[in-house]
Amino acid sequence: MPLRLFRNQAFAVGNATMFLMTGAIFAGAFMVTQEFQFARGYSPLSTGVRLLPFFATPMFISPIAGAVADRIGPRKVMATGLSMLTVGFVWVAVRGSLSTSWIELMLALLIAGVGISMALPTVPTAVLNAVAPHELGKASGINYMMQRFGAVFAIAIGSAVFASYGHLGTPASVTAGFKPALAACAVFALLAALSALAITAPQTQHAPNLEPVEATPI
C-alpha cells in the first residue's frame, strides 16, 4: 500500500470518511436487524421488508445525488447525506422502545436511507478524484479496504456497547442494549459528516504541454 497517497488531504480524509460511513451503515443495519427479530419477533422476511426504506433508497436517490454532486460539488452532498444518516439513527436510538410503532421507525430509517443514498456515490468519487489516473487502481483498493475495516470495527464497537447494556435473553433486554448501540452508530455517522466537510476539492491535473515534432520524410 503506497502510504504517500495519504499525504493528499482529500484522499486521506475521504478514506477516513469512508471508514466511518461504512461502519455506521453496517453496524446500524446489524443492530436494527437484531432488534426487529429478537425484540419485536419479526421473521427474517418481515425484517427485510421493514428494512427496505433503509436499503432500497440508493436505487432511486443515488443517481440523482451523483448528478447534483457534479453540479454543486460532492462535499455538500456528502455532508448533508451523512447528517441525515445521523438524524435517522438518533431518532431510532431515542424512540426505539417496544411501544414505538414500526411505522415511526421506518420513517426514521427512510431518512437514514436517503442520507446513505446521497453519500454512497459521492464519497468514493471524491477519493478517486484526489489521485492521478495511473494510481486509480491502488486508490480504489485502499478505499475498498477502508470499507471492510470500517464495517468490522463499528460492528465490534456496537456489539460491545450492546453487551454492556443488554443481552438477547428477553425483548426488553434486547431493546435495552439496542438503543445505546445504535447511538454509537450515530456517533460514527456524525464523525463521518464532520470529516466530509474537510474533504477539499481535487487539484486539476493538467496534461503536459507537448512540443510539435516535424514529420521526417521517408
N, C-alpha and C. Protein backbone atom coordinates (compact mmCIF):
# COMPACT_ATOMS: atom_id res chain seq x y z
N MET A 1 0.85 -1.19 0.00
CA MET A 1 0.00 0.00 0.00
C MET A 1 0.89 1.24 0.00
N PRO A 2 0.80 2.08 -1.02
CA PRO A 2 1.62 3.30 -1.08
C PRO A 2 1.15 4.36 -0.09
N LEU A 3 1.84 4.48 1.02
CA LEU A 3 1.42 5.42 2.05
C LEU A 3 1.54 6.87 1.60
N ARG A 4 2.33 7.13 0.55
CA ARG A 4 2.49 8.51 0.08
C ARG A 4 1.15 9.09 -0.39
N LEU A 5 0.22 8.24 -0.77
CA LEU A 5 -1.08 8.75 -1.21
C LEU A 5 -1.80 9.49 -0.09
N PHE A 6 -1.51 9.11 1.16
CA PHE A 6 -2.18 9.73 2.29
C PHE A 6 -1.65 11.12 2.59
N ARG A 7 -0.60 11.55 1.87
CA ARG A 7 -0.16 12.94 2.00
C ARG A 7 -1.17 13.90 1.38
N ASN A 8 -1.99 13.37 0.50
CA ASN A 8 -3.03 14.15 -0.14
C ASN A 8 -4.21 14.25 0.83
N GLN A 9 -4.56 15.46 1.24
CA GLN A 9 -5.60 15.64 2.26
C GLN A 9 -6.94 15.08 1.79
N ALA A 10 -7.31 15.35 0.54
CA ALA A 10 -8.61 14.87 0.05
C ALA A 10 -8.67 13.35 0.07
N PHE A 11 -7.57 12.70 -0.28
CA PHE A 11 -7.54 11.24 -0.29
C PHE A 11 -7.59 10.69 1.13
N ALA A 12 -6.79 11.25 2.03
CA ALA A 12 -6.74 10.76 3.41
C ALA A 12 -8.07 10.97 4.13
N VAL A 13 -8.61 12.18 4.03
CA VAL A 13 -9.87 12.47 4.72
C VAL A 13 -11.02 11.72 4.07
N GLY A 14 -10.97 11.56 2.75
CA GLY A 14 -12.00 10.80 2.07
C GLY A 14 -12.05 9.35 2.52
N ASN A 15 -10.89 8.76 2.72
CA ASN A 15 -10.85 7.39 3.21
C ASN A 15 -11.30 7.29 4.66
N ALA A 16 -10.98 8.30 5.46
CA ALA A 16 -11.49 8.32 6.84
C ALA A 16 -13.01 8.42 6.85
N THR A 17 -13.55 9.24 5.95
CA THR A 17 -15.00 9.35 5.83
C THR A 17 -15.61 8.02 5.40
N MET A 18 -14.98 7.35 4.47
CA MET A 18 -15.47 6.04 4.03
C MET A 18 -15.45 5.03 5.17
N PHE A 19 -14.38 5.03 5.96
CA PHE A 19 -14.26 4.13 7.12
C PHE A 19 -15.42 4.35 8.09
N LEU A 20 -15.66 5.62 8.43
CA LEU A 20 -16.70 5.94 9.41
C LEU A 20 -18.10 5.70 8.84
N MET A 21 -18.31 6.09 7.59
CA MET A 21 -19.61 5.93 6.97
C MET A 21 -20.00 4.46 6.85
N THR A 22 -19.09 3.65 6.33
CA THR A 22 -19.38 2.23 6.17
C THR A 22 -19.61 1.57 7.53
N GLY A 23 -18.82 1.98 8.52
CA GLY A 23 -19.03 1.44 9.86
C GLY A 23 -20.41 1.76 10.38
N ALA A 24 -20.85 3.00 10.21
CA ALA A 24 -22.18 3.38 10.68
C ALA A 24 -23.27 2.59 9.96
N ILE A 25 -23.14 2.42 8.65
CA ILE A 25 -24.17 1.73 7.87
C ILE A 25 -24.27 0.26 8.27
N PHE A 26 -23.15 -0.44 8.28
CA PHE A 26 -23.18 -1.87 8.55
C PHE A 26 -23.55 -2.16 10.00
N ALA A 27 -22.97 -1.42 10.92
CA ALA A 27 -23.29 -1.65 12.33
C ALA A 27 -24.73 -1.29 12.62
N GLY A 28 -25.21 -0.19 12.05
CA GLY A 28 -26.60 0.20 12.26
C GLY A 28 -27.56 -0.84 11.72
N ALA A 29 -27.30 -1.33 10.51
CA ALA A 29 -28.17 -2.36 9.93
C ALA A 29 -28.14 -3.63 10.76
N PHE A 30 -26.97 -3.99 11.26
CA PHE A 30 -26.85 -5.19 12.10
C PHE A 30 -27.67 -5.04 13.38
N MET A 31 -27.58 -3.89 14.02
CA MET A 31 -28.30 -3.68 15.27
C MET A 31 -29.81 -3.62 15.06
N VAL A 32 -30.25 -2.95 14.01
CA VAL A 32 -31.68 -2.87 13.74
C VAL A 32 -32.24 -4.26 13.43
N THR A 33 -31.48 -5.06 12.71
CA THR A 33 -31.93 -6.42 12.41
C THR A 33 -32.12 -7.23 13.69
N GLN A 34 -31.19 -7.11 14.62
CA GLN A 34 -31.32 -7.83 15.89
C GLN A 34 -32.55 -7.36 16.66
N GLU A 35 -32.78 -6.06 16.67
CA GLU A 35 -33.93 -5.50 17.38
C GLU A 35 -35.24 -6.01 16.78
N PHE A 36 -35.34 -5.98 15.46
CA PHE A 36 -36.58 -6.39 14.82
C PHE A 36 -36.87 -7.88 15.04
N GLN A 37 -35.84 -8.71 15.01
CA GLN A 37 -36.08 -10.15 15.11
C GLN A 37 -36.18 -10.63 16.56
N PHE A 38 -35.25 -10.20 17.41
CA PHE A 38 -35.18 -10.76 18.77
C PHE A 38 -36.05 -9.99 19.77
N ALA A 39 -36.29 -8.71 19.53
CA ALA A 39 -37.13 -7.94 20.46
C ALA A 39 -38.57 -7.87 19.99
N ARG A 40 -38.77 -7.63 18.70
CA ARG A 40 -40.12 -7.47 18.18
C ARG A 40 -40.69 -8.75 17.59
N GLY A 41 -39.86 -9.76 17.42
CA GLY A 41 -40.35 -11.05 16.96
C GLY A 41 -40.68 -11.14 15.49
N TYR A 42 -40.16 -10.23 14.66
CA TYR A 42 -40.42 -10.29 13.23
C TYR A 42 -39.63 -11.44 12.60
N SER A 43 -40.19 -12.03 11.57
CA SER A 43 -39.47 -13.08 10.84
C SER A 43 -38.37 -12.44 10.00
N PRO A 44 -37.41 -13.24 9.52
CA PRO A 44 -36.36 -12.67 8.66
C PRO A 44 -36.93 -11.96 7.44
N LEU A 45 -37.97 -12.53 6.82
CA LEU A 45 -38.57 -11.90 5.65
C LEU A 45 -39.24 -10.58 6.03
N SER A 46 -39.99 -10.60 7.12
CA SER A 46 -40.66 -9.38 7.57
C SER A 46 -39.65 -8.31 7.95
N THR A 47 -38.56 -8.73 8.56
CA THR A 47 -37.50 -7.78 8.91
C THR A 47 -36.90 -7.16 7.66
N GLY A 48 -36.65 -7.98 6.65
CA GLY A 48 -36.11 -7.47 5.40
C GLY A 48 -37.02 -6.47 4.72
N VAL A 49 -38.33 -6.74 4.75
CA VAL A 49 -39.29 -5.80 4.16
C VAL A 49 -39.27 -4.47 4.90
N ARG A 50 -39.19 -4.53 6.22
CA ARG A 50 -39.18 -3.30 7.02
C ARG A 50 -37.87 -2.53 6.88
N LEU A 51 -36.83 -3.19 6.41
CA LEU A 51 -35.55 -2.52 6.20
C LEU A 51 -35.42 -1.94 4.79
N LEU A 52 -36.42 -2.17 3.95
CA LEU A 52 -36.34 -1.65 2.58
C LEU A 52 -36.17 -0.13 2.53
N PRO A 53 -36.83 0.65 3.38
CA PRO A 53 -36.57 2.10 3.34
C PRO A 53 -35.12 2.46 3.59
N PHE A 54 -34.41 1.57 4.28
CA PHE A 54 -33.00 1.82 4.60
C PHE A 54 -32.09 1.38 3.46
N PHE A 55 -32.43 0.25 2.83
CA PHE A 55 -31.52 -0.35 1.85
C PHE A 55 -31.92 -0.12 0.39
N ALA A 56 -33.21 0.13 0.12
CA ALA A 56 -33.65 0.23 -1.27
C ALA A 56 -33.54 1.64 -1.84
N THR A 57 -33.44 2.64 -0.98
CA THR A 57 -33.41 4.02 -1.47
C THR A 57 -32.23 4.34 -2.39
N PRO A 58 -31.04 3.71 -2.23
CA PRO A 58 -29.96 4.06 -3.17
C PRO A 58 -30.31 3.83 -4.63
N MET A 59 -31.21 2.89 -4.91
CA MET A 59 -31.58 2.65 -6.31
C MET A 59 -32.24 3.86 -6.94
N PHE A 60 -32.90 4.68 -6.12
CA PHE A 60 -33.65 5.82 -6.63
C PHE A 60 -32.94 7.16 -6.38
N ILE A 61 -32.27 7.26 -5.23
CA ILE A 61 -31.70 8.55 -4.83
C ILE A 61 -30.27 8.72 -5.31
N SER A 62 -29.48 7.66 -5.30
CA SER A 62 -28.05 7.78 -5.64
C SER A 62 -27.80 8.38 -7.02
N PRO A 63 -28.53 7.97 -8.07
CA PRO A 63 -28.27 8.62 -9.38
C PRO A 63 -28.52 10.12 -9.35
N ILE A 64 -29.56 10.53 -8.62
CA ILE A 64 -29.85 11.96 -8.52
C ILE A 64 -28.75 12.67 -7.72
N ALA A 65 -28.33 12.04 -6.62
CA ALA A 65 -27.29 12.64 -5.78
C ALA A 65 -25.99 12.79 -6.57
N GLY A 66 -25.66 11.80 -7.39
CA GLY A 66 -24.45 11.89 -8.20
C GLY A 66 -24.51 13.04 -9.18
N ALA A 67 -25.68 13.23 -9.81
CA ALA A 67 -25.83 14.32 -10.77
C ALA A 67 -25.74 15.67 -10.07
N VAL A 68 -26.36 15.77 -8.89
CA VAL A 68 -26.31 17.03 -8.14
C VAL A 68 -24.88 17.33 -7.70
N ALA A 69 -24.16 16.29 -7.27
CA ALA A 69 -22.77 16.48 -6.83
C ALA A 69 -21.89 16.98 -7.97
N ASP A 70 -22.18 16.54 -9.20
CA ASP A 70 -21.41 17.01 -10.34
C ASP A 70 -21.61 18.50 -10.59
N ARG A 71 -22.76 19.02 -10.15
CA ARG A 71 -23.06 20.43 -10.41
C ARG A 71 -22.61 21.34 -9.28
N ILE A 72 -22.81 20.91 -8.04
CA ILE A 72 -22.50 21.80 -6.90
C ILE A 72 -21.29 21.34 -6.10
N GLY A 73 -20.71 20.20 -6.45
CA GLY A 73 -19.58 19.67 -5.71
C GLY A 73 -20.01 18.59 -4.73
N PRO A 74 -19.15 17.63 -4.49
CA PRO A 74 -19.56 16.49 -3.66
C PRO A 74 -19.61 16.77 -2.16
N ARG A 75 -18.89 17.77 -1.68
CA ARG A 75 -18.78 17.96 -0.24
C ARG A 75 -20.13 18.27 0.41
N LYS A 76 -20.91 19.15 -0.21
CA LYS A 76 -22.22 19.48 0.35
C LYS A 76 -23.15 18.28 0.34
N VAL A 77 -23.09 17.51 -0.73
CA VAL A 77 -23.96 16.34 -0.84
C VAL A 77 -23.57 15.30 0.20
N MET A 78 -22.26 15.07 0.35
CA MET A 78 -21.78 14.10 1.33
C MET A 78 -22.17 14.51 2.74
N ALA A 79 -21.89 15.75 3.10
CA ALA A 79 -22.16 16.21 4.46
C ALA A 79 -23.66 16.19 4.77
N THR A 80 -24.48 16.59 3.81
CA THR A 80 -25.93 16.56 4.02
C THR A 80 -26.43 15.13 4.19
N GLY A 81 -25.97 14.24 3.33
CA GLY A 81 -26.40 12.85 3.42
C GLY A 81 -25.99 12.19 4.72
N LEU A 82 -24.76 12.41 5.14
CA LEU A 82 -24.29 11.80 6.38
C LEU A 82 -24.96 12.43 7.60
N SER A 83 -25.32 13.70 7.49
CA SER A 83 -26.09 14.33 8.58
C SER A 83 -27.47 13.71 8.69
N MET A 84 -28.09 13.41 7.55
CA MET A 84 -29.40 12.74 7.56
C MET A 84 -29.28 11.34 8.14
N LEU A 85 -28.20 10.65 7.83
CA LEU A 85 -27.96 9.33 8.42
C LEU A 85 -27.86 9.44 9.94
N THR A 86 -27.16 10.46 10.41
CA THR A 86 -27.04 10.69 11.85
C THR A 86 -28.40 10.95 12.49
N VAL A 87 -29.20 11.80 11.85
CA VAL A 87 -30.52 12.14 12.38
C VAL A 87 -31.41 10.89 12.46
N GLY A 88 -31.38 10.08 11.40
CA GLY A 88 -32.19 8.87 11.40
C GLY A 88 -31.81 7.91 12.51
N PHE A 89 -30.51 7.73 12.72
CA PHE A 89 -30.05 6.83 13.79
C PHE A 89 -30.38 7.38 15.17
N VAL A 90 -30.21 8.69 15.35
CA VAL A 90 -30.54 9.29 16.65
C VAL A 90 -32.03 9.14 16.93
N TRP A 91 -32.84 9.34 15.92
CA TRP A 91 -34.28 9.18 16.07
C TRP A 91 -34.62 7.77 16.56
N VAL A 92 -34.07 6.77 15.89
CA VAL A 92 -34.35 5.38 16.28
C VAL A 92 -33.79 5.09 17.68
N ALA A 93 -32.60 5.60 17.98
CA ALA A 93 -31.99 5.33 19.29
C ALA A 93 -32.81 5.94 20.42
N VAL A 94 -33.40 7.11 20.17
CA VAL A 94 -34.18 7.78 21.21
C VAL A 94 -35.58 7.20 21.33
N ARG A 95 -36.19 6.90 20.20
CA ARG A 95 -37.59 6.48 20.19
C ARG A 95 -37.78 4.97 20.02
N GLY A 96 -36.70 4.23 19.94
CA GLY A 96 -36.79 2.81 19.60
C GLY A 96 -37.19 1.90 20.73
N SER A 97 -38.26 2.21 21.45
CA SER A 97 -38.74 1.32 22.51
C SER A 97 -39.73 0.32 21.91
N LEU A 98 -40.09 -0.69 22.69
CA LEU A 98 -41.03 -1.70 22.21
C LEU A 98 -42.42 -1.13 21.97
N SER A 99 -42.74 -0.01 22.60
CA SER A 99 -44.06 0.61 22.42
C SER A 99 -44.12 1.52 21.19
N THR A 100 -42.99 1.76 20.58
CA THR A 100 -42.94 2.64 19.40
C THR A 100 -43.42 1.88 18.17
N SER A 101 -44.26 2.51 17.38
CA SER A 101 -44.76 1.89 16.16
C SER A 101 -43.62 1.63 15.18
N TRP A 102 -43.72 0.49 14.49
CA TRP A 102 -42.69 0.19 13.50
C TRP A 102 -42.76 1.16 12.33
N ILE A 103 -43.93 1.80 12.13
CA ILE A 103 -44.05 2.80 11.06
C ILE A 103 -43.18 4.01 11.38
N GLU A 104 -43.15 4.42 12.63
CA GLU A 104 -42.29 5.54 13.01
C GLU A 104 -40.82 5.18 12.81
N LEU A 105 -40.47 3.96 13.17
CA LEU A 105 -39.08 3.53 12.96
C LEU A 105 -38.74 3.48 11.48
N MET A 106 -39.70 3.07 10.65
CA MET A 106 -39.45 3.03 9.21
C MET A 106 -39.25 4.44 8.65
N LEU A 107 -39.98 5.42 9.18
CA LEU A 107 -39.78 6.80 8.73
C LEU A 107 -38.37 7.28 9.07
N ALA A 108 -37.92 6.93 10.29
CA ALA A 108 -36.56 7.30 10.68
C ALA A 108 -35.53 6.60 9.80
N LEU A 109 -35.78 5.32 9.51
CA LEU A 109 -34.86 4.58 8.64
C LEU A 109 -34.91 5.10 7.21
N LEU A 110 -36.05 5.64 6.79
CA LEU A 110 -36.13 6.23 5.45
C LEU A 110 -35.25 7.46 5.36
N ILE A 111 -35.27 8.29 6.40
CA ILE A 111 -34.38 9.46 6.42
C ILE A 111 -32.92 9.01 6.36
N ALA A 112 -32.59 8.00 7.17
CA ALA A 112 -31.22 7.48 7.15
C ALA A 112 -30.87 6.89 5.79
N GLY A 113 -31.85 6.20 5.17
CA GLY A 113 -31.60 5.60 3.86
C GLY A 113 -31.36 6.63 2.78
N VAL A 114 -32.11 7.72 2.80
CA VAL A 114 -31.88 8.80 1.84
C VAL A 114 -30.49 9.40 2.06
N GLY A 115 -30.11 9.53 3.33
CA GLY A 115 -28.76 10.03 3.62
C GLY A 115 -27.68 9.12 3.08
N ILE A 116 -27.86 7.82 3.28
CA ILE A 116 -26.90 6.86 2.73
C ILE A 116 -26.82 7.00 1.21
N SER A 117 -27.99 7.14 0.58
CA SER A 117 -28.04 7.22 -0.88
C SER A 117 -27.29 8.43 -1.41
N MET A 118 -27.23 9.50 -0.63
CA MET A 118 -26.51 10.69 -1.06
C MET A 118 -25.01 10.54 -0.88
N ALA A 119 -24.61 9.76 0.12
CA ALA A 119 -23.18 9.62 0.41
C ALA A 119 -22.51 8.50 -0.37
N LEU A 120 -23.25 7.44 -0.66
CA LEU A 120 -22.63 6.27 -1.30
C LEU A 120 -21.94 6.58 -2.63
N PRO A 121 -22.55 7.34 -3.52
CA PRO A 121 -21.85 7.59 -4.79
C PRO A 121 -20.83 8.71 -4.73
N THR A 122 -20.91 9.57 -3.72
CA THR A 122 -20.07 10.76 -3.71
C THR A 122 -18.76 10.58 -2.93
N VAL A 123 -18.79 9.79 -1.85
CA VAL A 123 -17.56 9.61 -1.08
C VAL A 123 -16.49 8.87 -1.89
N PRO A 124 -16.79 7.72 -2.52
CA PRO A 124 -15.75 7.07 -3.33
C PRO A 124 -15.27 7.94 -4.49
N THR A 125 -16.20 8.70 -5.09
CA THR A 125 -15.81 9.58 -6.19
C THR A 125 -14.82 10.64 -5.72
N ALA A 126 -15.07 11.20 -4.54
CA ALA A 126 -14.16 12.21 -4.00
C ALA A 126 -12.78 11.62 -3.74
N VAL A 127 -12.74 10.38 -3.28
CA VAL A 127 -11.46 9.72 -3.00
C VAL A 127 -10.70 9.48 -4.30
N LEU A 128 -11.37 8.96 -5.31
CA LEU A 128 -10.68 8.62 -6.56
C LEU A 128 -10.31 9.86 -7.36
N ASN A 129 -11.08 10.94 -7.22
CA ASN A 129 -10.74 12.18 -7.91
C ASN A 129 -9.49 12.84 -7.33
N ALA A 130 -9.06 12.39 -6.16
CA ALA A 130 -7.92 13.01 -5.50
C ALA A 130 -6.58 12.47 -5.98
N VAL A 131 -6.58 11.42 -6.81
CA VAL A 131 -5.33 10.81 -7.24
C VAL A 131 -5.19 10.92 -8.75
N ALA A 132 -3.98 10.70 -9.21
CA ALA A 132 -3.71 10.72 -10.65
C ALA A 132 -4.33 9.49 -11.31
N PRO A 133 -4.63 9.58 -12.60
CA PRO A 133 -5.28 8.46 -13.29
C PRO A 133 -4.52 7.14 -13.18
N HIS A 134 -3.18 7.19 -13.21
CA HIS A 134 -2.43 5.94 -13.18
C HIS A 134 -2.41 5.30 -11.79
N GLU A 135 -2.94 6.01 -10.78
CA GLU A 135 -2.98 5.46 -9.42
C GLU A 135 -4.41 5.09 -8.98
N LEU A 136 -5.33 5.07 -9.93
CA LEU A 136 -6.73 4.79 -9.59
C LEU A 136 -6.91 3.38 -9.04
N GLY A 137 -6.17 2.42 -9.58
CA GLY A 137 -6.30 1.04 -9.10
C GLY A 137 -5.89 0.90 -7.65
N LYS A 138 -4.75 1.49 -7.29
CA LYS A 138 -4.28 1.43 -5.90
C LYS A 138 -5.24 2.19 -4.98
N ALA A 139 -5.69 3.36 -5.43
CA ALA A 139 -6.60 4.15 -4.61
C ALA A 139 -7.92 3.42 -4.37
N SER A 140 -8.40 2.76 -5.41
CA SER A 140 -9.65 2.01 -5.26
C SER A 140 -9.48 0.85 -4.28
N GLY A 141 -8.34 0.18 -4.34
CA GLY A 141 -8.08 -0.93 -3.42
C GLY A 141 -8.02 -0.45 -1.97
N ILE A 142 -7.36 0.67 -1.75
CA ILE A 142 -7.27 1.23 -0.39
C ILE A 142 -8.66 1.63 0.10
N ASN A 143 -9.44 2.23 -0.78
CA ASN A 143 -10.79 2.66 -0.40
C ASN A 143 -11.67 1.46 -0.05
N TYR A 144 -11.54 0.39 -0.82
CA TYR A 144 -12.30 -0.83 -0.51
C TYR A 144 -11.88 -1.42 0.83
N MET A 145 -10.58 -1.39 1.09
CA MET A 145 -10.08 -1.89 2.37
C MET A 145 -10.65 -1.08 3.53
N MET A 146 -10.75 0.23 3.37
CA MET A 146 -11.32 1.07 4.41
C MET A 146 -12.78 0.72 4.66
N GLN A 147 -13.51 0.38 3.60
CA GLN A 147 -14.89 -0.06 3.77
C GLN A 147 -14.97 -1.30 4.65
N ARG A 148 -14.14 -2.29 4.34
CA ARG A 148 -14.19 -3.55 5.11
C ARG A 148 -13.78 -3.31 6.56
N PHE A 149 -12.70 -2.57 6.76
CA PHE A 149 -12.23 -2.31 8.12
C PHE A 149 -13.27 -1.51 8.91
N GLY A 150 -13.88 -0.53 8.27
CA GLY A 150 -14.88 0.27 8.96
C GLY A 150 -16.06 -0.56 9.42
N ALA A 151 -16.54 -1.46 8.56
CA ALA A 151 -17.67 -2.31 8.93
C ALA A 151 -17.33 -3.21 10.11
N VAL A 152 -16.17 -3.86 10.04
CA VAL A 152 -15.77 -4.78 11.11
C VAL A 152 -15.58 -4.03 12.43
N PHE A 153 -14.90 -2.90 12.36
CA PHE A 153 -14.60 -2.12 13.57
C PHE A 153 -15.88 -1.62 14.23
N ALA A 154 -16.80 -1.06 13.44
CA ALA A 154 -18.02 -0.49 14.01
C ALA A 154 -18.94 -1.57 14.57
N ILE A 155 -19.03 -2.71 13.88
CA ILE A 155 -19.86 -3.81 14.41
C ILE A 155 -19.29 -4.30 15.74
N ALA A 156 -17.97 -4.36 15.84
CA ALA A 156 -17.35 -4.77 17.10
C ALA A 156 -17.66 -3.77 18.21
N ILE A 157 -17.56 -2.47 17.91
CA ILE A 157 -17.87 -1.45 18.90
C ILE A 157 -19.35 -1.51 19.29
N GLY A 158 -20.22 -1.60 18.30
CA GLY A 158 -21.64 -1.67 18.59
C GLY A 158 -22.01 -2.89 19.41
N SER A 159 -21.40 -4.03 19.11
CA SER A 159 -21.68 -5.25 19.86
C SER A 159 -21.20 -5.13 21.30
N ALA A 160 -20.05 -4.48 21.49
CA ALA A 160 -19.55 -4.28 22.85
C ALA A 160 -20.47 -3.37 23.66
N VAL A 161 -20.97 -2.32 23.02
CA VAL A 161 -21.91 -1.43 23.70
C VAL A 161 -23.20 -2.17 24.02
N PHE A 162 -23.68 -2.96 23.07
CA PHE A 162 -24.90 -3.74 23.30
C PHE A 162 -24.73 -4.67 24.49
N ALA A 163 -23.61 -5.37 24.54
CA ALA A 163 -23.37 -6.31 25.63
C ALA A 163 -23.24 -5.62 26.98
N SER A 164 -22.85 -4.35 26.98
CA SER A 164 -22.70 -3.62 28.23
C SER A 164 -24.04 -3.20 28.83
N TYR A 165 -25.05 -3.05 27.97
CA TYR A 165 -26.34 -2.55 28.46
C TYR A 165 -27.49 -3.56 28.35
N GLY A 166 -27.31 -4.63 27.60
CA GLY A 166 -28.40 -5.59 27.41
C GLY A 166 -27.88 -6.95 27.02
N HIS A 167 -28.82 -7.83 26.66
CA HIS A 167 -28.47 -9.18 26.20
C HIS A 167 -29.64 -9.72 25.41
N LEU A 168 -29.50 -10.92 24.86
CA LEU A 168 -30.52 -11.50 24.00
C LEU A 168 -31.54 -12.34 24.75
N GLY A 169 -31.60 -12.22 26.06
CA GLY A 169 -32.48 -13.08 26.85
C GLY A 169 -33.95 -12.77 26.68
N THR A 170 -34.32 -11.50 26.74
CA THR A 170 -35.72 -11.09 26.65
C THR A 170 -35.85 -9.92 25.69
N PRO A 171 -37.07 -9.67 25.17
CA PRO A 171 -37.24 -8.50 24.29
C PRO A 171 -36.82 -7.19 24.95
N ALA A 172 -37.14 -7.03 26.23
CA ALA A 172 -36.78 -5.79 26.92
C ALA A 172 -35.26 -5.64 27.03
N SER A 173 -34.56 -6.74 27.30
CA SER A 173 -33.11 -6.67 27.43
C SER A 173 -32.45 -6.41 26.07
N VAL A 174 -33.06 -6.92 24.99
CA VAL A 174 -32.53 -6.65 23.65
C VAL A 174 -32.65 -5.16 23.34
N THR A 175 -33.81 -4.59 23.63
CA THR A 175 -34.00 -3.16 23.38
C THR A 175 -33.11 -2.31 24.27
N ALA A 176 -32.88 -2.77 25.49
CA ALA A 176 -32.01 -2.02 26.41
C ALA A 176 -30.59 -1.92 25.87
N GLY A 177 -30.13 -2.95 25.19
CA GLY A 177 -28.81 -2.89 24.58
C GLY A 177 -28.81 -2.24 23.22
N PHE A 178 -29.94 -2.36 22.51
CA PHE A 178 -30.02 -1.84 21.14
C PHE A 178 -29.92 -0.33 21.08
N LYS A 179 -30.61 0.37 21.99
CA LYS A 179 -30.66 1.83 21.91
C LYS A 179 -29.28 2.48 22.08
N PRO A 180 -28.50 2.13 23.10
CA PRO A 180 -27.15 2.73 23.18
C PRO A 180 -26.23 2.25 22.06
N ALA A 181 -26.43 1.02 21.59
CA ALA A 181 -25.59 0.53 20.49
C ALA A 181 -25.84 1.33 19.22
N LEU A 182 -27.13 1.64 18.94
CA LEU A 182 -27.41 2.44 17.76
C LEU A 182 -26.96 3.88 17.96
N ALA A 183 -26.96 4.36 19.19
CA ALA A 183 -26.41 5.69 19.46
C ALA A 183 -24.92 5.72 19.11
N ALA A 184 -24.22 4.63 19.38
CA ALA A 184 -22.81 4.55 19.00
C ALA A 184 -22.66 4.60 17.48
N CYS A 185 -23.58 3.96 16.76
CA CYS A 185 -23.55 4.03 15.30
C CYS A 185 -23.81 5.45 14.82
N ALA A 186 -24.68 6.17 15.54
CA ALA A 186 -24.94 7.57 15.19
C ALA A 186 -23.68 8.43 15.37
N VAL A 187 -22.86 8.08 16.35
CA VAL A 187 -21.60 8.80 16.55
C VAL A 187 -20.69 8.59 15.35
N PHE A 188 -20.62 7.36 14.85
CA PHE A 188 -19.84 7.08 13.64
C PHE A 188 -20.34 7.93 12.48
N ALA A 189 -21.66 8.00 12.32
CA ALA A 189 -22.23 8.78 11.22
C ALA A 189 -21.93 10.27 11.38
N LEU A 190 -22.00 10.77 12.60
CA LEU A 190 -21.70 12.18 12.85
C LEU A 190 -20.24 12.49 12.54
N LEU A 191 -19.34 11.63 12.97
CA LEU A 191 -17.92 11.84 12.67
C LEU A 191 -17.67 11.79 11.16
N ALA A 192 -18.40 10.92 10.46
CA ALA A 192 -18.27 10.86 9.00
C ALA A 192 -18.73 12.16 8.37
N ALA A 193 -19.84 12.73 8.88
CA ALA A 193 -20.32 14.00 8.34
C ALA A 193 -19.31 15.13 8.57
N LEU A 194 -18.71 15.15 9.74
CA LEU A 194 -17.72 16.18 10.04
C LEU A 194 -16.47 16.01 9.18
N SER A 195 -16.04 14.78 8.99
CA SER A 195 -14.85 14.56 8.16
C SER A 195 -15.13 14.89 6.70
N ALA A 196 -16.38 14.69 6.26
CA ALA A 196 -16.72 15.02 4.87
C ALA A 196 -16.55 16.51 4.60
N LEU A 197 -16.79 17.32 5.62
CA LEU A 197 -16.63 18.77 5.46
C LEU A 197 -15.17 19.16 5.23
N ALA A 198 -14.26 18.27 5.63
CA ALA A 198 -12.82 18.57 5.48
C ALA A 198 -12.25 18.08 4.17
N ILE A 199 -13.06 17.45 3.34
CA ILE A 199 -12.57 16.97 2.04
C ILE A 199 -12.46 18.15 1.10
N THR A 200 -11.27 18.42 0.63
CA THR A 200 -11.03 19.55 -0.26
C THR A 200 -11.25 19.13 -1.71
N ALA A 201 -11.50 20.11 -2.54
CA ALA A 201 -11.66 19.85 -3.97
C ALA A 201 -10.32 19.41 -4.56
N PRO A 202 -10.32 18.42 -5.45
CA PRO A 202 -9.05 17.97 -6.03
C PRO A 202 -8.45 19.03 -6.92
N GLN A 203 -7.14 19.06 -6.93
CA GLN A 203 -6.45 19.99 -7.80
C GLN A 203 -6.51 19.48 -9.23
N THR A 204 -6.82 20.38 -10.15
CA THR A 204 -6.90 20.00 -11.55
C THR A 204 -5.53 19.62 -12.07
N GLN A 205 -5.45 18.44 -12.66
CA GLN A 205 -4.18 17.95 -13.18
C GLN A 205 -4.14 18.23 -14.68
N HIS A 206 -3.23 19.11 -15.05
CA HIS A 206 -3.12 19.49 -16.45
C HIS A 206 -2.22 18.52 -17.20
N ALA A 207 -2.60 18.27 -18.43
CA ALA A 207 -1.77 17.41 -19.26
C ALA A 207 -0.50 18.16 -19.66
N PRO A 208 0.63 17.46 -19.75
CA PRO A 208 1.87 18.14 -20.11
C PRO A 208 1.81 18.70 -21.51
N ASN A 209 2.43 19.89 -21.68
CA ASN A 209 2.48 20.50 -23.00
C ASN A 209 3.49 19.77 -23.87
N LEU A 210 3.04 19.31 -25.01
CA LEU A 210 3.90 18.57 -25.93
C LEU A 210 4.29 19.47 -27.09
N GLU A 211 5.59 19.53 -27.35
CA GLU A 211 6.07 20.34 -28.47
C GLU A 211 5.83 19.60 -29.77
N PRO A 212 5.40 20.31 -30.79
CA PRO A 212 5.15 19.65 -32.08
C PRO A 212 6.46 19.13 -32.66
N VAL A 213 6.40 18.01 -33.31
CA VAL A 213 7.58 17.38 -33.93
C VAL A 213 7.34 17.32 -35.44
N GLU A 214 8.32 17.80 -36.19
CA GLU A 214 8.17 17.77 -37.64
C GLU A 214 8.26 16.35 -38.15
N ALA A 215 7.43 16.04 -39.10
CA ALA A 215 7.46 14.71 -39.71
C ALA A 215 8.71 14.53 -40.53
N THR A 216 9.32 13.38 -40.40
CA THR A 216 10.53 13.07 -41.18
C THR A 216 10.13 12.40 -42.48
N PRO A 217 10.49 12.98 -43.61
CA PRO A 217 10.11 12.35 -44.88
C PRO A 217 10.79 10.99 -45.05
N ILE A 218 10.03 10.06 -45.61
CA ILE A 218 10.58 8.70 -45.85
C ILE A 218 11.21 8.64 -47.24
